[in-house]
Amino acid sequence: MKTSLAIVLSATLSTVYASGLDSAQAIQNKTNNASATSQKKIDSSAEAAISLKAEIEQLEEEVKNLNVYRDHLAALVENQNQEAISIEAQIDEIKYTRQGVVPLMYQMIEGLKSIVDQDKPIKYTQRLERIEKLEQVMTRADVSDAEKYRRILEAYQIEMDYGTKLGVYQGQINLANNRVIETDILHLGRISLVARNLSGAKFWAWDQNKGSWQALDSAMKPELDKAYNIATKQAAPSLITLPVSLVAAEGK
């Protein structure tokens, strides 16, 4: 009976012990699973935190850049406002300047007329036509004041060139008895003005004192022909002799 009781007790204890082990193992498994789940959550939270930190840093950099760009735009706006004020002031000045420039341009055209009237008849017809075109352009609304002024200055530049260059052109001259003939006219600046008939046989020089063309001695023909050849680039530049077309005051 004792033996039987011991066996029953032993079996009971074994069963209880086995049940306890199973329960402990189950608890251990649950604990492990819970730990693994918690670790996953921790890892996930850490990754999310790192990602959020990176996003925050990126946003902070973008905010910094936006602040710099905002300051840049503010500086541009300020500069544009200053330029607008400056432009308005310039426009006001232009109004007053234009009021003075337009009369000046008319005075300059009158000055050109005076130059042509008092000067030697170098390309006389072309110069008068140029002045006439300037007078016409002054009343055209489709041409700016700047362009009008440029053309007037261009005309003055052409007048200056007449006084510094050796040139030949074809034109008519008025001789005695109202004879008009076609000639080749040579000018050396405003110092000398000579005409040669188209056959090349006769020459005339402009006399500024008399305001007329005077016949030249045929003995000057070789020297005059050389001057014409140099002017037309048919001969190399060299020393030439030409009659002067100056009044007494100009020759001093």
Protein backbone atom coordinates (compact mmCIF):
# COMPACT_ATOMS: atom_id res chain seq x y z
CA MET A 1 0.00 0.00 0.00
CA LYS A 2 2.85 2.31 0.83
CA THR A 3 4.51 1.37 -2.34
CA SER A 4 1.39 2.03 -4.32
CA LEU A 5 0.94 5.42 -2.64
CA ALA A 6 4.55 6.33 -3.42
CA ILE A 7 4.07 5.41 -7.06
CA VAL A 8 0.84 7.43 -7.25
CA LEU A 9 2.51 10.38 -5.58
CA SER A 10 5.53 10.10 -7.83
CA ALA A 11 3.32 9.99 -10.90
CA THR A 12 1.36 12.95 -9.67
CA LEU A 13 4.51 14.93 -8.98
CA SER A 14 5.87 14.02 -12.39
CA THR A 15 2.68 15.18 -13.98
CA VAL A 16 2.70 18.43 -12.02
CA TYR A 17 6.37 18.98 -12.78
CA ALA A 18 5.82 18.30 -16.48
CA SER A 19 2.87 20.65 -16.50
CA GLY A 20 4.98 23.32 -14.77
CA LEU A 21 7.75 22.93 -17.30
CA ASP A 22 5.29 23.23 -20.15
CA SER A 23 3.80 26.31 -18.57
CA ALA A 24 7.23 27.86 -18.00
CA GLN A 25 8.25 27.04 -21.54
CA ALA A 26 5.07 28.62 -22.86
CA ILE A 27 5.70 31.71 -20.75
CA GLN A 28 9.29 31.80 -22.02
CA ASN A 29 8.08 31.54 -25.60
CA LYS A 30 5.55 34.29 -25.05
CA THR A 31 8.24 36.42 -23.45
CA ASN A 32 10.59 35.78 -26.35
CA ASN A 33 7.90 36.54 -28.87
CA ALA A 34 6.95 39.70 -27.01
CA SER A 35 10.62 40.70 -26.86
CA ALA A 36 11.04 40.10 -30.59
CA THR A 37 7.90 42.07 -31.33
CA SER A 38 9.07 44.88 -29.05
CA GLN A 39 12.51 44.85 -30.70
CA LYS A 40 10.88 45.11 -34.12
CA LYS A 41 8.82 48.04 -32.88
CA ILE A 42 11.93 49.64 -31.42
CA ASP A 43 13.85 49.10 -34.67
CA SER A 44 10.93 50.44 -36.68
CA SER A 45 10.63 53.44 -34.36
CA ALA A 46 14.38 54.08 -34.62
CA GLU A 47 14.26 53.96 -38.41
CA ALA A 48 11.25 56.27 -38.39
CA ALA A 49 13.08 58.62 -36.02
CA ILE A 50 16.16 58.64 -38.25
CA SER A 51 13.99 59.27 -41.32
CA LEU A 52 12.12 62.06 -39.53
CA LYS A 53 15.42 63.60 -38.43
CA ALA A 54 16.69 63.53 -42.02
CA GLU A 55 13.43 65.12 -43.22
CA ILE A 56 13.66 67.76 -40.51
CA GLU A 57 17.25 68.56 -41.50
CA GLN A 58 16.24 68.76 -45.16
CA LEU A 59 13.31 71.02 -44.30
CA GLU A 60 15.57 73.21 -42.18
CA GLU A 61 17.99 73.51 -45.13
CA GLU A 62 15.10 74.38 -47.45
CA VAL A 63 13.86 76.99 -44.99
CA LYS A 64 17.37 78.44 -44.83
CA ASN A 65 17.56 78.58 -48.63
CA LEU A 66 14.09 80.13 -48.81
CA ASN A 67 15.15 82.80 -46.32
CA VAL A 68 18.21 83.59 -48.44
CA TYR A 69 16.05 83.73 -51.59
CA ARG A 70 13.49 85.90 -49.80
CA ASP A 71 16.22 88.34 -48.80
CA HIS A 72 17.52 88.28 -52.38
CA LEU A 73 14.08 89.06 -53.78
CA ALA A 74 13.62 91.83 -51.24
CA ALA A 75 16.94 93.36 -52.34
CA LEU A 76 15.89 93.10 -56.00
CA VAL A 77 12.56 94.73 -55.31
CA GLU A 78 14.28 97.52 -53.41
CA ASN A 79 16.74 98.03 -56.26
CA GLN A 80 13.92 98.01 -58.82
CA ASN A 81 12.04 100.59 -56.79
CA GLN A 82 15.14 102.78 -56.76
CA GLU A 83 15.58 102.30 -60.51
CA ALA A 84 11.93 103.17 -61.07
CA ILE A 85 12.40 106.38 -59.12
CA SER A 86 15.58 107.11 -61.11
CA ILE A 87 13.84 106.40 -64.43
CA GLU A 88 10.96 108.70 -63.52
CA ALA A 89 13.47 111.43 -62.74
CA GLN A 90 15.26 110.79 -66.04
CA ILE A 91 11.98 110.94 -67.93
CA ASP A 92 11.28 114.31 -66.38
CA GLU A 93 14.78 115.44 -67.36
CA ILE A 94 14.31 114.12 -70.90
CA LYS A 95 11.19 116.25 -71.29
CA TYR A 96 13.21 119.37 -70.51
CA THR A 97 16.22 118.15 -72.51
CA ARG A 98 14.05 117.48 -75.54
CA GLN A 99 12.67 120.98 -75.37
CA GLY A 100 16.25 122.23 -75.70
CA VAL A 101 17.52 119.64 -78.21
CA VAL A 102 14.88 120.23 -80.88
CA PRO A 103 15.68 123.96 -81.25
CA LEU A 104 19.37 123.03 -81.23
CA MET A 105 18.87 120.63 -84.15
CA TYR A 106 17.14 123.36 -86.18
CA GLN A 107 20.05 125.68 -85.38
CA MET A 108 22.52 123.02 -86.52
CA ILE A 109 20.68 122.64 -89.83
CA GLU A 110 20.80 126.42 -90.33
CA GLY A 111 24.51 126.19 -89.55
CA LEU A 112 24.92 123.63 -92.33
CA LYS A 113 23.14 125.95 -94.74
CA SER A 114 25.49 128.77 -93.82
CA ILE A 115 28.53 126.51 -94.32
CA VAL A 116 27.38 125.42 -97.78
CA ASP A 117 26.46 128.96 -98.86
CA GLN A 118 29.82 130.40 -97.81
CA ASP A 119 31.95 127.42 -98.78
CA LYS A 120 33.46 126.41 -102.10
CA PRO A 121 31.01 124.56 -104.38
CA ILE A 122 32.30 121.09 -103.51
CA LYS A 123 29.45 118.65 -104.32
CA TYR A 124 27.16 121.64 -103.99
CA THR A 125 24.00 119.92 -105.28
CA GLN A 126 24.45 116.85 -103.05
CA ARG A 127 25.01 119.03 -99.99
CA LEU A 128 21.84 121.03 -100.65
CA GLU A 129 19.86 117.81 -101.13
CA ARG A 130 21.24 116.48 -97.83
CA ILE A 131 20.10 119.60 -96.00
CA GLU A 132 16.67 119.40 -97.63
CA LYS A 133 16.29 115.79 -96.45
CA LEU A 134 17.24 116.84 -92.92
CA GLU A 135 14.56 119.54 -92.95
CA GLN A 136 12.00 116.99 -94.13
CA VAL A 137 12.94 114.38 -91.52
CA MET A 138 12.61 116.93 -88.71
CA THR A 139 8.82 116.98 -89.19
CA ARG A 140 8.40 113.20 -89.38
CA ALA A 141 6.76 111.66 -86.34
CA ASP A 142 7.99 108.15 -87.20
CA VAL A 143 11.64 109.15 -86.76
CA SER A 144 12.96 109.51 -83.22
CA ASP A 145 14.77 112.63 -82.04
CA ALA A 146 17.86 110.50 -81.49
CA GLU A 147 17.84 109.38 -85.13
CA LYS A 148 17.30 112.95 -86.32
CA TYR A 149 20.23 114.13 -84.24
CA ARG A 150 22.39 111.26 -85.54
CA ARG A 151 21.68 112.24 -89.16
CA ILE A 152 22.56 115.87 -88.47
CA LEU A 153 25.85 114.83 -86.87
CA GLU A 154 26.50 112.58 -89.86
CA ALA A 155 26.01 115.56 -92.18
CA TYR A 156 28.52 117.57 -90.14
CA GLN A 157 30.98 114.67 -90.34
CA ILE A 158 30.66 114.64 -94.13
CA GLU A 159 31.34 118.38 -94.19
CA MET A 160 34.47 117.79 -92.10
CA ASP A 161 35.63 115.07 -94.51
CA TYR A 162 35.42 117.51 -97.42
CA GLY A 163 38.13 119.53 -95.70
CA THR A 164 40.59 116.65 -95.22
CA LYS A 165 40.39 114.38 -98.26
CA LEU A 166 41.54 114.29 -101.87
CA GLY A 167 38.63 113.28 -104.05
CA VAL A 168 37.15 113.37 -107.55
CA TYR A 169 33.52 113.43 -108.61
CA GLN A 170 31.57 114.29 -111.75
CA GLY A 171 29.49 117.43 -111.80
CA GLN A 172 28.48 120.50 -113.75
CA ILE A 173 30.19 123.90 -113.54
CA ASN A 174 28.97 127.32 -114.68
CA LEU A 175 31.37 129.22 -116.90
CA ALA A 176 31.22 132.68 -118.43
CA ASN A 177 28.25 133.53 -120.61
CA ASN A 178 26.14 131.12 -118.53
CA ARG A 179 27.74 128.09 -120.15
CA VAL A 180 27.21 124.89 -118.17
CA ILE A 181 29.50 121.94 -118.86
CA GLU A 182 29.96 118.47 -117.40
CA THR A 183 33.35 117.99 -115.77
CA ASP A 184 35.42 115.87 -113.44
CA ILE A 185 35.93 117.97 -110.30
CA LEU A 186 38.91 117.42 -108.02
CA HIS A 187 39.21 118.83 -104.53
CA LEU A 188 42.08 118.72 -102.06
CA GLY A 189 40.31 119.42 -98.81
CA ARG A 190 39.05 122.98 -99.11
CA ILE A 191 42.43 124.26 -100.30
CA SER A 192 42.10 123.52 -103.99
CA LEU A 193 39.12 122.98 -106.30
CA VAL A 194 39.83 122.13 -109.94
CA ALA A 195 37.56 121.06 -112.82
CA ARG A 196 38.58 119.17 -115.98
CA ASN A 197 36.38 118.69 -119.02
CA LEU A 198 35.48 115.11 -119.91
CA SER A 199 37.96 115.04 -122.77
CA GLY A 200 40.73 115.93 -120.34
CA ALA A 201 41.98 118.84 -122.45
CA LYS A 202 40.90 121.88 -120.43
CA PHE A 203 41.09 122.82 -116.75
CA TRP A 204 39.47 125.43 -114.53
CA ALA A 205 40.12 126.42 -110.92
CA TRP A 206 37.63 127.88 -108.48
CA ASP A 207 38.43 131.45 -107.50
CA GLN A 208 36.90 132.04 -104.07
CA ASN A 209 37.47 135.81 -104.27
CA LYS A 210 35.58 136.12 -107.55
CA GLY A 211 33.17 133.30 -106.83
CA SER A 212 33.65 131.82 -110.29
CA TRP A 213 35.62 129.29 -112.32
CA GLN A 214 38.80 130.55 -113.98
CA ALA A 215 40.60 128.85 -116.89
CA LEU A 216 44.04 127.41 -116.11
CA ASP A 217 47.14 127.50 -118.26
CA SER A 218 47.62 124.34 -120.31
CA ALA A 219 51.19 124.18 -118.96
CA MET A 220 49.73 122.86 -115.67
CA LYS A 221 48.12 119.87 -117.41
CA PRO A 222 50.82 117.26 -116.51
CA GLU A 223 50.72 118.20 -112.84
CA LEU A 224 46.94 118.33 -112.80
CA ASP A 225 46.61 114.97 -114.57
CA LYS A 226 48.93 113.47 -111.94
CA ALA A 227 46.68 114.82 -109.18
CA TYR A 228 43.64 113.27 -110.87
CA ASN A 229 45.42 109.92 -111.19
CA ILE A 230 46.35 109.97 -107.50
CA ALA A 231 42.79 110.87 -106.49
CA THR A 232 41.38 107.99 -108.56
CA LYS A 233 44.09 105.63 -107.22
CA GLN A 234 45.62 105.18 -110.66
CA ALA A 235 48.95 106.45 -109.34
CA ALA A 236 50.82 106.24 -106.06
CA PRO A 237 50.64 109.28 -103.73
CA SER A 238 53.36 111.84 -104.43
CA LEU A 239 54.01 115.56 -104.24
CA ILE A 240 51.60 117.52 -106.43
CA THR A 241 51.15 121.18 -107.36
CA LEU A 242 47.63 122.59 -107.43
CA PRO A 243 46.18 126.07 -107.63
CA VAL A 244 44.74 127.22 -104.30
CA SER A 245 41.14 128.33 -103.93
CA LEU A 246 41.43 130.56 -100.85
CA VAL A 247 40.42 134.09 -100.01
CA ALA A 248 43.00 136.38 -98.45
CA ALA A 249 41.82 135.69 -94.87
CA GLU A 250 42.02 131.90 -95.40
CA GLY A 251 45.53 132.11 -96.80
CA LYS A 252 46.98 133.81 -93.72
